[in-house]
């Protein structure tokens, strides 16, 4: 039986799969930051939803990236604030190595 890790490695050997995986890397990385921040805050999807006035299913769609449209900047800010964080949006030169930092917003 293949493990997830082995299946992924095997799939990525195919050039078409690798190209699509690489194309989606930024989106997956971004979504991963949201999941890590929520886990670090110890908050459930339902709790985030309640804090920003939406449904748990809407938060699940936001976190999975499976929506018909991209969330607005306002929605992303509300999500971050519900976790005690702030959203930072930066443009980074493509030749720079990405850094992933989740910053907690200072209370006060």
N, C-alpha and C. Protein backbone atom coordinates (compact mmCIF):
# COMPACT_ATOMS: atom_id res chain seq x y z
N UNK A 1 0.85 -1.19 0.00
CA UNK A 1 0.00 0.00 0.00
C UNK A 1 0.89 1.25 0.00
N UNK A 2 0.55 2.19 -0.86
CA UNK A 2 1.31 3.43 -0.97
C UNK A 2 0.95 4.39 0.17
N UNK A 3 1.96 5.01 0.72
CA UNK A 3 1.71 6.07 1.69
C UNK A 3 1.42 7.35 0.90
N UNK A 4 0.89 8.35 1.59
CA UNK A 4 0.62 9.63 0.93
C UNK A 4 1.89 10.22 0.35
N UNK A 5 2.96 10.14 1.13
CA UNK A 5 4.25 10.70 0.71
C UNK A 5 4.75 10.02 -0.57
N UNK A 6 4.66 8.70 -0.62
CA UNK A 6 5.12 7.96 -1.80
C UNK A 6 4.22 8.23 -3.00
N UNK A 7 2.92 8.29 -2.77
CA UNK A 7 1.99 8.58 -3.86
C UNK A 7 2.25 9.96 -4.44
N UNK A 8 2.49 10.92 -3.57
CA UNK A 8 2.78 12.29 -4.02
C UNK A 8 4.06 12.31 -4.85
N UNK A 9 5.10 11.66 -4.35
CA UNK A 9 6.38 11.61 -5.08
C UNK A 9 6.20 10.96 -6.44
N UNK A 10 5.44 9.89 -6.47
CA UNK A 10 5.19 9.18 -7.73
C UNK A 10 4.41 10.07 -8.71
N UNK A 11 3.41 10.75 -8.21
CA UNK A 11 2.60 11.62 -9.07
C UNK A 11 3.44 12.78 -9.61
N UNK A 12 4.32 13.33 -8.78
CA UNK A 12 5.13 14.47 -9.19
C UNK A 12 6.21 14.11 -10.22
N UNK A 13 6.39 12.84 -10.46
CA UNK A 13 7.32 12.42 -11.52
C UNK A 13 6.73 12.70 -12.90
N UNK A 14 5.41 12.84 -12.97
CA UNK A 14 4.75 13.16 -14.24
C UNK A 14 4.88 14.66 -14.50
N UNK A 15 5.41 15.06 -15.65
CA UNK A 15 5.60 16.49 -15.94
C UNK A 15 4.32 17.32 -15.87
N UNK A 16 3.19 16.78 -16.32
CA UNK A 16 1.94 17.54 -16.28
C UNK A 16 1.47 17.76 -14.84
N UNK A 17 1.62 16.76 -14.00
CA UNK A 17 1.23 16.88 -12.59
C UNK A 17 2.17 17.86 -11.89
N UNK A 18 3.46 17.74 -12.15
CA UNK A 18 4.46 18.63 -11.53
C UNK A 18 4.20 20.08 -11.91
N UNK A 19 3.87 20.32 -13.17
CA UNK A 19 3.62 21.69 -13.62
C UNK A 19 2.40 22.29 -12.91
N UNK A 20 1.34 21.51 -12.77
CA UNK A 20 0.14 22.01 -12.08
C UNK A 20 0.41 22.20 -10.60
N UNK A 21 1.15 21.30 -10.00
CA UNK A 21 1.51 21.41 -8.59
C UNK A 21 2.32 22.69 -8.35
N UNK A 22 3.29 22.94 -9.21
CA UNK A 22 4.11 24.15 -9.09
C UNK A 22 3.27 25.40 -9.29
N UNK A 23 2.32 25.35 -10.21
CA UNK A 23 1.45 26.50 -10.49
C UNK A 23 0.61 26.86 -9.26
N UNK A 24 0.23 25.86 -8.50
CA UNK A 24 -0.64 26.09 -7.34
C UNK A 24 0.12 26.28 -6.03
N UNK A 25 1.45 26.22 -6.07
CA UNK A 25 2.25 26.29 -4.85
C UNK A 25 1.96 27.54 -4.02
N UNK A 26 1.89 28.70 -4.64
CA UNK A 26 1.66 29.94 -3.89
C UNK A 26 0.32 29.89 -3.17
N UNK A 27 -0.71 29.41 -3.87
CA UNK A 27 -2.04 29.34 -3.25
C UNK A 27 -2.03 28.36 -2.07
N UNK A 28 -1.44 27.19 -2.26
CA UNK A 28 -1.39 26.21 -1.18
C UNK A 28 -0.59 26.74 0.01
N UNK A 29 0.49 27.43 -0.27
CA UNK A 29 1.31 27.98 0.79
C UNK A 29 0.53 29.02 1.58
N UNK A 30 -0.22 29.85 0.88
CA UNK A 30 -1.03 30.88 1.52
C UNK A 30 -2.10 30.24 2.41
N UNK A 31 -2.79 29.24 1.87
CA UNK A 31 -3.84 28.56 2.64
C UNK A 31 -3.24 27.86 3.86
N UNK A 32 -2.06 27.30 3.69
CA UNK A 32 -1.38 26.62 4.80
C UNK A 32 -1.10 27.60 5.94
N UNK A 33 -0.76 28.84 5.61
CA UNK A 33 -0.52 29.84 6.65
C UNK A 33 -1.78 30.10 7.47
N UNK A 34 -2.93 30.12 6.80
CA UNK A 34 -4.19 30.33 7.51
C UNK A 34 -4.47 29.17 8.46
N UNK A 35 -4.26 27.95 7.98
CA UNK A 35 -4.49 26.77 8.82
C UNK A 35 -3.54 26.74 10.02
N UNK A 36 -2.28 27.08 9.80
CA UNK A 36 -1.31 27.11 10.89
C UNK A 36 -1.68 28.17 11.92
N UNK A 37 -2.11 29.33 11.45
CA UNK A 37 -2.48 30.41 12.37
C UNK A 37 -3.69 30.03 13.20
N UNK A 38 -4.68 29.38 12.57
CA UNK A 38 -5.87 28.96 13.32
C UNK A 38 -5.50 27.89 14.35
N UNK A 39 -4.66 26.95 13.96
CA UNK A 39 -4.22 25.91 14.89
C UNK A 39 -3.44 26.52 16.06
N UNK A 40 -2.57 27.48 15.77
CA UNK A 40 -1.78 28.13 16.82
C UNK A 40 -2.68 28.90 17.78
N UNK A 41 -3.76 29.45 17.26
CA UNK A 41 -4.70 30.21 18.09
C UNK A 41 -5.63 29.28 18.87
N UNK A 42 -5.67 27.99 18.49
CA UNK A 42 -6.53 27.04 19.17
C UNK A 42 -8.00 27.31 18.95
N UNK A 43 -8.33 27.73 17.73
CA UNK A 43 -9.69 28.14 17.41
C UNK A 43 -10.26 27.21 16.33
N UNK A 44 -11.52 26.84 16.48
CA UNK A 44 -12.16 25.99 15.48
C UNK A 44 -12.72 26.83 14.34
N UNK A 45 -13.05 26.17 13.24
CA UNK A 45 -13.69 26.88 12.13
C UNK A 45 -14.99 27.53 12.59
N UNK A 46 -15.74 26.83 13.41
CA UNK A 46 -17.01 27.37 13.91
C UNK A 46 -16.79 28.64 14.74
N UNK A 47 -15.73 28.64 15.54
CA UNK A 47 -15.44 29.82 16.36
C UNK A 47 -15.01 31.00 15.49
N UNK A 48 -14.19 30.75 14.48
CA UNK A 48 -13.81 31.82 13.55
C UNK A 48 -15.07 32.37 12.88
N UNK A 49 -15.92 31.47 12.41
CA UNK A 49 -17.15 31.88 11.73
C UNK A 49 -18.01 32.78 12.62
N UNK A 50 -18.16 32.38 13.88
CA UNK A 50 -18.97 33.17 14.80
C UNK A 50 -18.35 34.55 15.01
N UNK A 51 -17.03 34.61 15.14
CA UNK A 51 -16.35 35.88 15.38
C UNK A 51 -16.48 36.86 14.21
N UNK A 52 -16.57 36.33 12.99
CA UNK A 52 -16.63 37.25 11.85
C UNK A 52 -18.01 37.30 11.21
N UNK A 53 -18.97 36.59 11.78
CA UNK A 53 -20.35 36.68 11.31
C UNK A 53 -20.63 35.91 10.03
N UNK A 54 -20.10 34.70 9.95
CA UNK A 54 -20.38 33.86 8.78
C UNK A 54 -20.62 32.44 9.26
N UNK A 55 -20.63 31.49 8.36
CA UNK A 55 -20.88 30.10 8.71
C UNK A 55 -19.59 29.29 8.72
N UNK A 56 -19.63 28.18 9.43
CA UNK A 56 -18.48 27.27 9.47
C UNK A 56 -18.16 26.77 8.08
N UNK A 57 -19.19 26.50 7.26
CA UNK A 57 -18.94 25.99 5.91
C UNK A 57 -18.24 27.04 5.04
N UNK A 58 -18.52 28.32 5.28
CA UNK A 58 -17.83 29.38 4.53
C UNK A 58 -16.36 29.42 4.91
N UNK A 59 -16.06 29.20 6.19
CA UNK A 59 -14.66 29.16 6.63
C UNK A 59 -13.97 27.94 6.04
N UNK A 60 -14.66 26.80 6.00
CA UNK A 60 -14.08 25.59 5.41
C UNK A 60 -13.75 25.82 3.93
N UNK A 61 -14.63 26.50 3.21
CA UNK A 61 -14.37 26.79 1.79
C UNK A 61 -13.18 27.73 1.65
N UNK A 62 -13.11 28.74 2.51
CA UNK A 62 -11.98 29.69 2.46
C UNK A 62 -10.67 28.95 2.70
N UNK A 63 -10.64 28.07 3.71
CA UNK A 63 -9.42 27.36 4.06
C UNK A 63 -9.02 26.31 3.03
N UNK A 64 -9.98 25.81 2.28
CA UNK A 64 -9.66 24.77 1.29
C UNK A 64 -9.33 25.37 -0.06
N UNK A 65 -9.69 26.62 -0.26
CA UNK A 65 -9.46 27.25 -1.55
C UNK A 65 -10.43 26.79 -2.61
N UNK A 66 -11.48 26.11 -2.18
CA UNK A 66 -12.43 25.56 -3.15
C UNK A 66 -13.66 26.46 -3.26
N UNK A 67 -13.47 27.60 -3.84
CA UNK A 67 -14.58 28.50 -4.05
C UNK A 67 -14.63 28.93 -5.49
N UNK A 68 -15.75 29.51 -5.86
CA UNK A 68 -15.88 29.98 -7.24
C UNK A 68 -15.17 31.31 -7.43
N UNK A 69 -14.82 31.95 -6.34
CA UNK A 69 -14.10 33.22 -6.43
C UNK A 69 -13.11 33.31 -5.27
N UNK A 70 -12.19 34.20 -5.39
CA UNK A 70 -11.22 34.42 -4.33
C UNK A 70 -11.84 35.30 -3.25
N UNK A 71 -11.49 35.07 -1.98
CA UNK A 71 -12.03 35.91 -0.92
C UNK A 71 -11.51 37.33 -1.04
N UNK A 72 -12.30 38.27 -0.58
CA UNK A 72 -11.90 39.67 -0.62
C UNK A 72 -10.83 39.93 0.43
N UNK A 73 -10.12 41.01 0.25
CA UNK A 73 -9.13 41.43 1.23
C UNK A 73 -9.80 41.66 2.59
N UNK A 74 -10.99 42.23 2.57
CA UNK A 74 -11.74 42.47 3.81
C UNK A 74 -12.03 41.16 4.54
N UNK A 75 -12.41 40.13 3.82
CA UNK A 75 -12.69 38.83 4.43
C UNK A 75 -11.43 38.24 5.03
N UNK A 76 -10.32 38.34 4.32
CA UNK A 76 -9.06 37.82 4.83
C UNK A 76 -8.62 38.57 6.09
N UNK A 77 -8.86 39.88 6.12
CA UNK A 77 -8.52 40.67 7.30
C UNK A 77 -9.40 40.26 8.49
N UNK A 78 -10.68 40.05 8.24
CA UNK A 78 -11.58 39.62 9.32
C UNK A 78 -11.13 38.27 9.88
N UNK A 79 -10.77 37.37 8.99
CA UNK A 79 -10.29 36.06 9.42
C UNK A 79 -9.05 36.22 10.31
N UNK A 80 -8.09 36.99 9.84
CA UNK A 80 -6.86 37.21 10.61
C UNK A 80 -7.18 37.83 11.96
N UNK A 81 -8.02 38.83 12.00
CA UNK A 81 -8.37 39.50 13.26
C UNK A 81 -9.07 38.54 14.22
N UNK A 82 -9.88 37.63 13.68
CA UNK A 82 -10.57 36.65 14.53
C UNK A 82 -9.58 35.73 15.23
N UNK A 83 -8.38 35.63 14.68
CA UNK A 83 -7.33 34.79 15.28
C UNK A 83 -6.35 35.60 16.11
N UNK A 84 -6.60 36.90 16.24
CA UNK A 84 -5.67 37.75 16.98
C UNK A 84 -4.43 38.09 16.16
N UNK A 85 -4.57 38.03 14.85
CA UNK A 85 -3.45 38.33 13.94
C UNK A 85 -3.80 39.53 13.08
N UNK A 86 -2.83 39.97 12.33
CA UNK A 86 -3.10 40.97 11.31
C UNK A 86 -2.62 40.40 9.97
N UNK A 87 -3.24 40.83 8.92
CA UNK A 87 -2.90 40.36 7.59
C UNK A 87 -1.84 41.28 7.01
N UNK A 88 -0.78 40.70 6.48
CA UNK A 88 0.26 41.47 5.81
C UNK A 88 0.31 41.01 4.36
N UNK A 89 0.17 41.93 3.45
CA UNK A 89 0.22 41.63 2.03
C UNK A 89 1.46 42.33 1.48
N UNK A 90 2.35 41.54 0.85
CA UNK A 90 3.58 42.12 0.31
C UNK A 90 3.81 41.57 -1.09
N UNK A 91 4.47 42.36 -1.89
CA UNK A 91 4.95 41.90 -3.18
C UNK A 91 6.41 41.55 -3.02
N UNK A 92 6.77 40.36 -3.46
CA UNK A 92 8.13 39.87 -3.30
C UNK A 92 8.67 39.50 -4.67
N UNK A 93 9.87 39.92 -4.97
CA UNK A 93 10.50 39.59 -6.23
C UNK A 93 10.52 38.08 -6.41
N UNK A 94 10.18 37.59 -7.58
CA UNK A 94 10.11 36.15 -7.84
C UNK A 94 11.43 35.44 -7.59
N UNK A 95 12.53 36.15 -7.69
CA UNK A 95 13.83 35.51 -7.48
C UNK A 95 14.19 35.40 -6.01
N UNK A 96 13.43 36.06 -5.13
CA UNK A 96 13.68 35.97 -3.69
C UNK A 96 13.06 34.69 -3.14
N UNK A 97 13.72 34.10 -2.17
CA UNK A 97 13.19 32.91 -1.52
C UNK A 97 12.08 33.37 -0.58
N UNK A 98 10.89 32.74 -0.64
CA UNK A 98 9.78 33.17 0.22
C UNK A 98 10.05 32.88 1.68
N UNK A 99 9.59 33.80 2.53
CA UNK A 99 9.65 33.58 3.96
C UNK A 99 8.23 33.53 4.47
N UNK A 100 8.00 32.60 5.36
CA UNK A 100 6.64 32.44 5.90
C UNK A 100 6.68 32.81 7.36
N UNK A 101 5.97 33.87 7.71
CA UNK A 101 5.95 34.33 9.09
C UNK A 101 4.51 34.61 9.46
N UNK A 102 4.06 34.06 10.56
CA UNK A 102 2.75 34.37 11.09
C UNK A 102 2.98 35.22 12.32
N UNK A 103 2.51 36.45 12.27
CA UNK A 103 2.73 37.37 13.38
C UNK A 103 1.44 37.55 14.17
N UNK A 104 1.56 37.49 15.46
CA UNK A 104 0.42 37.77 16.33
C UNK A 104 0.31 39.29 16.50
N UNK A 105 -0.89 39.77 16.49
CA UNK A 105 -1.11 41.20 16.69
C UNK A 105 -1.02 41.49 18.18
N UNK A 106 -0.29 42.53 18.51
CA UNK A 106 -0.15 42.91 19.91
C UNK A 106 -1.47 43.46 20.42
N UNK A 107 -1.84 43.08 21.63
CA UNK A 107 -3.06 43.61 22.24
C UNK A 107 -2.74 44.97 22.84
N UNK A 108 -3.64 45.87 22.58
CA UNK A 108 -3.38 47.15 23.21
C UNK A 108 -3.63 48.23 22.34
